[in-house]
Amino acid sequence: MKKVTIIGLGGAGINFLNYLRKKELDNLDLKLLPLEDENIDKNLIEKEIIKDSKVFVVFGVGSNIEKYLLLSDILNQLNLTSSYIVLKPFSFEAKTKLQQFENIVEKFKDKSLKIIENDIIKSLGDNLSIKDGFENIDNEIFEFIKLELSKS
């Protein structure tokens, strides 16, 4: 059985964890760990994370970059193999948010980073509800995680 910890950081990450709670996930020793900026703490993470697990961190761009880097440093100190999945803001969002996204990509360039485009929702059709659009993004994240787990 594969050991997996999925950390949902902030609103986007926690929404993904809620999506996963509705799925049947067999053959996984799985821990879902929701985190907000204020509870990124090495002791908490060390206590909550599955030992020797593959870690996936899912987050949007609504938080402080330093918090993402702090979490990355903690996972490195714990010698955990980690992949980061970031949701790129919609192209119509504020330039500051898009710049923050670019800063994250730059800071994480030496890590396993998967970018999920929020704009993919627009390509799914005009009749798609917002809820269904975000569920499609959650599906894309889930498929990426399954693919990564199949490699190990």
N, C-alpha and C. Protein backbone atom coordinates (compact mmCIF):
# COMPACT_ATOMS: atom_id res chain seq x y z
N MET A 1 0.85 -1.17 0.00
CA MET A 1 0.00 0.00 0.00
C MET A 1 0.89 1.24 0.00
N LYS A 2 0.62 2.17 -0.92
CA LYS A 2 1.42 3.38 -1.02
C LYS A 2 1.04 4.37 0.07
N LYS A 3 2.07 4.98 0.66
CA LYS A 3 1.87 5.99 1.69
C LYS A 3 1.86 7.36 1.03
N VAL A 4 0.79 8.10 1.25
CA VAL A 4 0.63 9.40 0.61
C VAL A 4 0.08 10.40 1.62
N THR A 5 0.68 11.57 1.64
CA THR A 5 0.13 12.69 2.39
C THR A 5 -0.14 13.80 1.39
N ILE A 6 -1.35 14.33 1.41
CA ILE A 6 -1.69 15.46 0.55
C ILE A 6 -2.00 16.64 1.45
N ILE A 7 -1.21 17.69 1.26
CA ILE A 7 -1.39 18.91 2.03
C ILE A 7 -2.15 19.91 1.17
N GLY A 8 -3.26 20.37 1.66
CA GLY A 8 -4.01 21.43 1.00
C GLY A 8 -3.70 22.73 1.71
N LEU A 9 -3.06 23.63 1.00
CA LEU A 9 -2.62 24.89 1.60
C LEU A 9 -3.54 26.01 1.14
N GLY A 10 -4.20 26.66 2.08
CA GLY A 10 -5.10 27.76 1.75
C GLY A 10 -6.39 27.27 1.11
N GLY A 11 -7.18 28.22 0.61
CA GLY A 11 -8.50 27.91 0.08
C GLY A 11 -8.50 26.91 -1.06
N ALA A 12 -7.67 27.11 -2.07
CA ALA A 12 -7.64 26.21 -3.22
C ALA A 12 -7.23 24.80 -2.81
N GLY A 13 -6.22 24.70 -1.95
CA GLY A 13 -5.76 23.39 -1.51
C GLY A 13 -6.78 22.68 -0.65
N ILE A 14 -7.43 23.41 0.24
CA ILE A 14 -8.43 22.80 1.11
C ILE A 14 -9.66 22.38 0.30
N ASN A 15 -10.03 23.16 -0.71
CA ASN A 15 -11.13 22.76 -1.59
C ASN A 15 -10.81 21.44 -2.28
N PHE A 16 -9.55 21.25 -2.69
CA PHE A 16 -9.16 19.99 -3.32
C PHE A 16 -9.28 18.83 -2.33
N LEU A 17 -8.88 19.05 -1.10
CA LEU A 17 -9.02 18.00 -0.09
C LEU A 17 -10.48 17.62 0.11
N ASN A 18 -11.37 18.59 0.10
CA ASN A 18 -12.80 18.31 0.22
C ASN A 18 -13.28 17.46 -0.96
N TYR A 19 -12.79 17.74 -2.15
CA TYR A 19 -13.09 16.94 -3.34
C TYR A 19 -12.62 15.49 -3.13
N LEU A 20 -11.42 15.32 -2.60
CA LEU A 20 -10.88 13.97 -2.39
C LEU A 20 -11.68 13.18 -1.37
N ARG A 21 -12.21 13.85 -0.39
CA ARG A 21 -12.99 13.15 0.65
C ARG A 21 -14.21 12.45 0.07
N LYS A 22 -14.67 12.88 -1.09
CA LYS A 22 -15.84 12.29 -1.75
C LYS A 22 -15.47 11.09 -2.63
N LYS A 23 -14.20 10.88 -2.86
CA LYS A 23 -13.75 9.81 -3.75
C LYS A 23 -13.37 8.56 -2.96
N GLU A 24 -13.53 7.42 -3.63
CA GLU A 24 -13.05 6.17 -3.04
C GLU A 24 -11.60 5.99 -3.47
N LEU A 25 -10.74 5.91 -2.51
CA LEU A 25 -9.31 5.82 -2.79
C LEU A 25 -8.77 4.54 -2.18
N ASP A 26 -8.72 3.50 -2.99
CA ASP A 26 -8.23 2.20 -2.53
C ASP A 26 -6.72 2.11 -2.67
N ASN A 27 -6.14 1.21 -1.94
CA ASN A 27 -4.70 0.90 -2.02
C ASN A 27 -3.79 2.07 -1.64
N LEU A 28 -4.31 2.97 -0.83
CA LEU A 28 -3.50 4.09 -0.37
C LEU A 28 -3.60 4.20 1.13
N ASP A 29 -2.46 4.41 1.76
CA ASP A 29 -2.43 4.84 3.15
C ASP A 29 -2.38 6.36 3.04
N LEU A 30 -3.53 7.01 3.17
CA LEU A 30 -3.67 8.41 2.78
C LEU A 30 -3.97 9.29 3.99
N LYS A 31 -3.28 10.41 4.04
CA LYS A 31 -3.53 11.43 5.05
C LYS A 31 -3.80 12.74 4.32
N LEU A 32 -4.93 13.38 4.62
CA LEU A 32 -5.25 14.68 4.07
C LEU A 32 -5.01 15.71 5.16
N LEU A 33 -4.16 16.67 4.89
CA LEU A 33 -3.75 17.64 5.90
C LEU A 33 -4.05 19.06 5.41
N PRO A 34 -5.16 19.66 5.91
CA PRO A 34 -5.45 21.05 5.53
C PRO A 34 -4.61 22.01 6.36
N LEU A 35 -4.02 22.99 5.70
CA LEU A 35 -3.21 24.00 6.39
C LEU A 35 -3.60 25.40 5.93
N GLU A 36 -3.62 26.30 6.85
CA GLU A 36 -3.73 27.72 6.55
C GLU A 36 -2.37 28.33 6.87
N ASP A 37 -2.13 29.53 6.41
CA ASP A 37 -0.84 30.18 6.63
C ASP A 37 -0.40 30.15 8.09
N GLU A 38 -1.35 30.39 8.99
CA GLU A 38 -0.97 30.54 10.39
C GLU A 38 -0.60 29.23 11.08
N ASN A 39 -0.93 28.08 10.49
CA ASN A 39 -0.57 26.84 11.18
C ASN A 39 0.48 26.01 10.43
N ILE A 40 1.35 26.69 9.71
CA ILE A 40 2.50 26.02 9.10
C ILE A 40 3.57 25.95 10.17
N ASP A 41 3.68 24.80 10.77
CA ASP A 41 4.54 24.61 11.92
C ASP A 41 5.21 23.25 11.80
N LYS A 42 6.53 23.21 11.96
CA LYS A 42 7.27 21.95 11.79
C LYS A 42 6.77 20.86 12.72
N ASN A 43 6.53 21.18 13.98
CA ASN A 43 6.08 20.16 14.93
C ASN A 43 4.73 19.58 14.53
N LEU A 44 3.80 20.43 14.12
CA LEU A 44 2.48 19.97 13.68
C LEU A 44 2.61 19.08 12.45
N ILE A 45 3.36 19.54 11.47
CA ILE A 45 3.51 18.77 10.23
C ILE A 45 4.18 17.44 10.51
N GLU A 46 5.23 17.45 11.31
CA GLU A 46 5.94 16.20 11.64
C GLU A 46 5.02 15.22 12.35
N LYS A 47 4.15 15.73 13.19
CA LYS A 47 3.22 14.88 13.94
C LYS A 47 2.12 14.33 13.03
N GLU A 48 1.64 15.14 12.09
CA GLU A 48 0.48 14.78 11.28
C GLU A 48 0.80 13.98 10.02
N ILE A 49 1.98 14.15 9.49
CA ILE A 49 2.32 13.56 8.20
C ILE A 49 2.59 12.06 8.35
N ILE A 50 2.26 11.30 7.33
CA ILE A 50 2.56 9.87 7.36
C ILE A 50 4.06 9.71 7.14
N LYS A 51 4.71 8.99 8.01
CA LYS A 51 6.16 8.78 7.89
C LYS A 51 6.48 8.05 6.59
N ASP A 52 7.56 8.45 5.94
CA ASP A 52 8.02 7.84 4.69
C ASP A 52 6.99 7.91 3.57
N SER A 53 6.18 8.94 3.58
CA SER A 53 5.16 9.05 2.53
C SER A 53 5.62 9.98 1.42
N LYS A 54 5.00 9.82 0.27
CA LYS A 54 5.13 10.78 -0.82
C LYS A 54 4.19 11.91 -0.49
N VAL A 55 4.66 13.15 -0.57
CA VAL A 55 3.86 14.31 -0.18
C VAL A 55 3.53 15.14 -1.42
N PHE A 56 2.27 15.50 -1.52
CA PHE A 56 1.80 16.43 -2.54
C PHE A 56 1.26 17.66 -1.82
N VAL A 57 1.64 18.83 -2.29
CA VAL A 57 1.16 20.08 -1.72
C VAL A 57 0.37 20.80 -2.82
N VAL A 58 -0.91 21.06 -2.55
CA VAL A 58 -1.79 21.73 -3.51
C VAL A 58 -2.12 23.12 -2.96
N PHE A 59 -1.89 24.15 -3.80
CA PHE A 59 -2.17 25.50 -3.34
C PHE A 59 -2.46 26.44 -4.50
N GLY A 60 -3.16 27.52 -4.18
CA GLY A 60 -3.38 28.61 -5.12
C GLY A 60 -2.38 29.71 -4.83
N VAL A 61 -2.70 30.90 -5.21
CA VAL A 61 -1.74 31.99 -5.08
C VAL A 61 -2.25 33.05 -4.10
N GLY A 62 -3.15 32.69 -3.21
CA GLY A 62 -3.74 33.67 -2.33
C GLY A 62 -2.94 33.98 -1.08
N SER A 63 -1.85 33.31 -0.87
CA SER A 63 -1.12 33.47 0.39
C SER A 63 0.26 34.07 0.17
N ASN A 64 0.99 34.15 1.23
CA ASN A 64 2.32 34.72 1.25
C ASN A 64 3.34 33.69 0.74
N ILE A 65 4.15 34.07 -0.24
CA ILE A 65 5.15 33.17 -0.81
C ILE A 65 6.07 32.62 0.27
N GLU A 66 6.39 33.43 1.24
CA GLU A 66 7.29 32.99 2.31
C GLU A 66 6.72 31.78 3.05
N LYS A 67 5.41 31.71 3.16
CA LYS A 67 4.77 30.56 3.82
C LYS A 67 4.95 29.30 2.98
N TYR A 68 4.85 29.42 1.67
CA TYR A 68 5.08 28.26 0.79
C TYR A 68 6.51 27.77 0.94
N LEU A 69 7.44 28.72 0.97
CA LEU A 69 8.85 28.36 1.12
C LEU A 69 9.14 27.74 2.48
N LEU A 70 8.49 28.25 3.52
CA LEU A 70 8.64 27.67 4.85
C LEU A 70 8.17 26.22 4.86
N LEU A 71 7.01 25.96 4.26
CA LEU A 71 6.51 24.59 4.19
C LEU A 71 7.48 23.70 3.41
N SER A 72 7.99 24.20 2.31
CA SER A 72 8.95 23.44 1.51
C SER A 72 10.21 23.13 2.33
N ASP A 73 10.71 24.10 3.07
CA ASP A 73 11.88 23.88 3.93
C ASP A 73 11.61 22.82 4.99
N ILE A 74 10.42 22.87 5.59
CA ILE A 74 10.06 21.88 6.61
C ILE A 74 10.03 20.49 6.01
N LEU A 75 9.43 20.34 4.84
CA LEU A 75 9.36 19.02 4.19
C LEU A 75 10.76 18.52 3.83
N ASN A 76 11.63 19.43 3.40
CA ASN A 76 13.02 19.05 3.11
C ASN A 76 13.74 18.59 4.38
N GLN A 77 13.54 19.32 5.48
CA GLN A 77 14.18 18.94 6.75
C GLN A 77 13.72 17.56 7.21
N LEU A 78 12.49 17.21 6.87
CA LEU A 78 11.94 15.90 7.26
C LEU A 78 12.29 14.81 6.24
N ASN A 79 13.08 15.19 5.21
CA ASN A 79 13.51 14.26 4.16
C ASN A 79 12.34 13.57 3.46
N LEU A 80 11.32 14.36 3.15
CA LEU A 80 10.14 13.83 2.48
C LEU A 80 10.17 14.21 1.00
N THR A 81 9.87 13.26 0.14
CA THR A 81 9.77 13.52 -1.29
C THR A 81 8.47 14.27 -1.53
N SER A 82 8.58 15.45 -2.12
CA SER A 82 7.43 16.32 -2.26
C SER A 82 7.25 16.80 -3.69
N SER A 83 5.99 16.90 -4.09
CA SER A 83 5.61 17.52 -5.36
C SER A 83 4.65 18.65 -5.04
N TYR A 84 4.78 19.73 -5.78
CA TYR A 84 3.96 20.92 -5.54
C TYR A 84 3.05 21.15 -6.74
N ILE A 85 1.79 21.38 -6.45
CA ILE A 85 0.80 21.62 -7.50
C ILE A 85 0.20 22.99 -7.22
N VAL A 86 0.44 23.93 -8.14
CA VAL A 86 -0.03 25.30 -7.94
C VAL A 86 -1.06 25.62 -9.02
N LEU A 87 -2.12 26.30 -8.60
CA LEU A 87 -3.15 26.74 -9.53
C LEU A 87 -2.82 28.15 -10.00
N LYS A 88 -2.66 28.28 -11.30
CA LYS A 88 -2.36 29.59 -11.88
C LYS A 88 -3.63 30.42 -11.88
N PRO A 89 -3.55 31.67 -11.44
CA PRO A 89 -4.74 32.54 -11.42
C PRO A 89 -5.34 32.69 -12.82
N PHE A 90 -6.62 33.00 -12.85
CA PHE A 90 -7.27 33.30 -14.13
C PHE A 90 -6.57 34.48 -14.77
N SER A 91 -6.56 34.52 -16.10
CA SER A 91 -5.88 35.60 -16.82
C SER A 91 -6.52 36.96 -16.55
N PHE A 92 -7.78 36.99 -16.13
CA PHE A 92 -8.45 38.27 -15.86
C PHE A 92 -8.21 38.78 -14.43
N GLU A 93 -7.50 38.00 -13.61
CA GLU A 93 -7.27 38.42 -12.22
C GLU A 93 -6.22 39.53 -12.17
N ALA A 94 -6.11 40.14 -11.02
CA ALA A 94 -5.21 41.28 -10.83
C ALA A 94 -3.77 40.93 -11.22
N LYS A 95 -3.10 41.91 -11.79
CA LYS A 95 -1.71 41.70 -12.21
C LYS A 95 -0.82 41.33 -11.03
N THR A 96 -1.14 41.85 -9.85
CA THR A 96 -0.32 41.51 -8.69
C THR A 96 -0.41 40.02 -8.37
N LYS A 97 -1.59 39.44 -8.55
CA LYS A 97 -1.75 38.01 -8.31
C LYS A 97 -1.00 37.20 -9.35
N LEU A 98 -1.05 37.63 -10.60
CA LEU A 98 -0.30 36.95 -11.67
C LEU A 98 1.21 37.08 -11.43
N GLN A 99 1.66 38.24 -10.95
CA GLN A 99 3.08 38.43 -10.63
C GLN A 99 3.49 37.53 -9.47
N GLN A 100 2.61 37.40 -8.49
CA GLN A 100 2.89 36.51 -7.36
C GLN A 100 3.04 35.08 -7.85
N PHE A 101 2.19 34.67 -8.79
CA PHE A 101 2.30 33.34 -9.38
C PHE A 101 3.67 33.17 -10.05
N GLU A 102 4.09 34.16 -10.83
CA GLU A 102 5.40 34.08 -11.50
C GLU A 102 6.53 33.97 -10.48
N ASN A 103 6.41 34.68 -9.37
CA ASN A 103 7.41 34.60 -8.30
C ASN A 103 7.47 33.20 -7.70
N ILE A 104 6.30 32.59 -7.52
CA ILE A 104 6.25 31.21 -7.00
C ILE A 104 6.94 30.25 -7.95
N VAL A 105 6.63 30.37 -9.24
CA VAL A 105 7.25 29.49 -10.24
C VAL A 105 8.77 29.65 -10.20
N GLU A 106 9.24 30.88 -10.08
CA GLU A 106 10.68 31.13 -10.01
C GLU A 106 11.29 30.51 -8.76
N LYS A 107 10.65 30.70 -7.62
CA LYS A 107 11.19 30.17 -6.36
C LYS A 107 11.17 28.64 -6.30
N PHE A 108 10.23 28.03 -7.02
CA PHE A 108 10.09 26.58 -6.97
C PHE A 108 10.66 25.89 -8.21
N LYS A 109 11.46 26.60 -9.00
CA LYS A 109 11.95 26.04 -10.26
C LYS A 109 12.82 24.79 -10.07
N ASP A 110 13.42 24.63 -8.91
CA ASP A 110 14.26 23.45 -8.68
C ASP A 110 13.50 22.34 -7.96
N LYS A 111 12.19 22.47 -7.86
CA LYS A 111 11.37 21.45 -7.19
C LYS A 111 10.44 20.81 -8.20
N SER A 112 9.81 19.74 -7.81
CA SER A 112 8.80 19.11 -8.65
C SER A 112 7.54 19.97 -8.60
N LEU A 113 7.28 20.71 -9.68
CA LEU A 113 6.19 21.67 -9.70
C LEU A 113 5.28 21.39 -10.89
N LYS A 114 4.00 21.23 -10.61
CA LYS A 114 2.98 21.07 -11.65
C LYS A 114 2.09 22.30 -11.60
N ILE A 115 1.88 22.92 -12.76
CA ILE A 115 1.03 24.09 -12.85
C ILE A 115 -0.30 23.68 -13.45
N ILE A 116 -1.38 24.05 -12.77
CA ILE A 116 -2.72 23.82 -13.27
C ILE A 116 -3.31 25.18 -13.62
N GLU A 117 -3.76 25.32 -14.84
CA GLU A 117 -4.29 26.60 -15.32
C GLU A 117 -5.77 26.72 -14.96
N ASN A 118 -6.12 27.73 -14.18
CA ASN A 118 -7.54 27.98 -13.90
C ASN A 118 -8.30 28.31 -15.19
N ASP A 119 -7.62 28.91 -16.16
CA ASP A 119 -8.27 29.28 -17.42
C ASP A 119 -8.78 28.07 -18.20
N ILE A 120 -8.39 26.87 -17.80
CA ILE A 120 -8.90 25.68 -18.48
C ILE A 120 -10.43 25.62 -18.40
N ILE A 121 -10.99 26.23 -17.39
CA ILE A 121 -12.45 26.24 -17.23
C ILE A 121 -13.11 26.88 -18.44
N LYS A 122 -12.51 27.95 -18.96
CA LYS A 122 -13.10 28.65 -20.11
C LYS A 122 -13.15 27.73 -21.34
N SER A 123 -12.19 26.84 -21.47
CA SER A 123 -12.15 25.97 -22.64
C SER A 123 -13.15 24.82 -22.56
N LEU A 124 -13.79 24.65 -21.42
CA LEU A 124 -14.73 23.55 -21.24
C LEU A 124 -16.14 23.88 -21.69
N GLY A 125 -16.37 25.12 -22.10
CA GLY A 125 -17.68 25.50 -22.63
C GLY A 125 -18.39 26.53 -21.78
N ASP A 126 -19.29 27.26 -22.43
CA ASP A 126 -20.02 28.34 -21.77
C ASP A 126 -21.12 27.85 -20.85
N ASN A 127 -21.61 26.63 -21.05
CA ASN A 127 -22.73 26.12 -20.27
C ASN A 127 -22.30 25.43 -18.98
N LEU A 128 -21.02 25.43 -18.72
CA LEU A 128 -20.49 24.76 -17.54
C LEU A 128 -20.64 25.65 -16.31
N SER A 129 -21.18 25.09 -15.23
CA SER A 129 -21.30 25.87 -14.00
C SER A 129 -19.91 26.07 -13.39
N ILE A 130 -19.79 27.07 -12.54
CA ILE A 130 -18.52 27.34 -11.85
C ILE A 130 -18.13 26.10 -11.04
N LYS A 131 -19.09 25.53 -10.34
CA LYS A 131 -18.82 24.34 -9.52
C LYS A 131 -18.26 23.21 -10.37
N ASP A 132 -18.91 22.95 -11.52
CA ASP A 132 -18.42 21.89 -12.41
C ASP A 132 -17.06 22.23 -12.99
N GLY A 133 -16.82 23.50 -13.25
CA GLY A 133 -15.52 23.92 -13.77
C GLY A 133 -14.41 23.64 -12.78
N PHE A 134 -14.64 23.99 -11.53
CA PHE A 134 -13.61 23.74 -10.52
C PHE A 134 -13.48 22.24 -10.22
N GLU A 135 -14.55 21.49 -10.38
CA GLU A 135 -14.44 20.04 -10.22
C GLU A 135 -13.56 19.44 -11.32
N ASN A 136 -13.61 20.03 -12.52
CA ASN A 136 -12.72 19.59 -13.60
C ASN A 136 -11.27 19.86 -13.24
N ILE A 137 -11.01 20.99 -12.62
CA ILE A 137 -9.64 21.30 -12.18
C ILE A 137 -9.22 20.29 -11.11
N ASP A 138 -10.11 20.00 -10.16
CA ASP A 138 -9.81 18.99 -9.13
C ASP A 138 -9.51 17.64 -9.77
N ASN A 139 -10.27 17.28 -10.80
CA ASN A 139 -10.01 16.02 -11.51
C ASN A 139 -8.63 16.02 -12.14
N GLU A 140 -8.24 17.16 -12.72
CA GLU A 140 -6.91 17.25 -13.33
C GLU A 140 -5.81 17.07 -12.29
N ILE A 141 -5.99 17.69 -11.14
CA ILE A 141 -5.01 17.54 -10.05
C ILE A 141 -4.94 16.08 -9.62
N PHE A 142 -6.11 15.46 -9.45
CA PHE A 142 -6.18 14.07 -9.02
C PHE A 142 -5.50 13.13 -10.03
N GLU A 143 -5.74 13.36 -11.31
CA GLU A 143 -5.11 12.54 -12.35
C GLU A 143 -3.59 12.70 -12.32
N PHE A 144 -3.10 13.91 -12.08
CA PHE A 144 -1.67 14.13 -11.97
C PHE A 144 -1.10 13.33 -10.80
N ILE A 145 -1.76 13.38 -9.66
CA ILE A 145 -1.28 12.65 -8.48
C ILE A 145 -1.27 11.15 -8.76
N LYS A 146 -2.33 10.63 -9.37
CA LYS A 146 -2.36 9.20 -9.69
C LYS A 146 -1.21 8.82 -10.64
N LEU A 147 -0.95 9.67 -11.62
CA LEU A 147 0.14 9.42 -12.56
C LEU A 147 1.49 9.40 -11.82
N GLU A 148 1.71 10.36 -10.95
CA GLU A 148 2.95 10.41 -10.19
C GLU A 148 3.11 9.18 -9.29
N LEU A 149 2.02 8.73 -8.69
CA LEU A 149 2.09 7.56 -7.82
C LEU A 149 2.35 6.29 -8.62
N SER A 150 1.88 6.25 -9.85
CA SER A 150 2.10 5.05 -10.68
C SER A 150 3.56 4.91 -11.09
N LYS A 151 4.32 6.00 -11.03
CA LYS A 151 5.75 5.97 -11.38
C LYS A 151 6.61 5.38 -10.27
N SER A 152 6.07 5.36 -9.05
CA SER A 152 6.91 4.90 -7.93
C SER A 152 6.56 3.49 -7.51
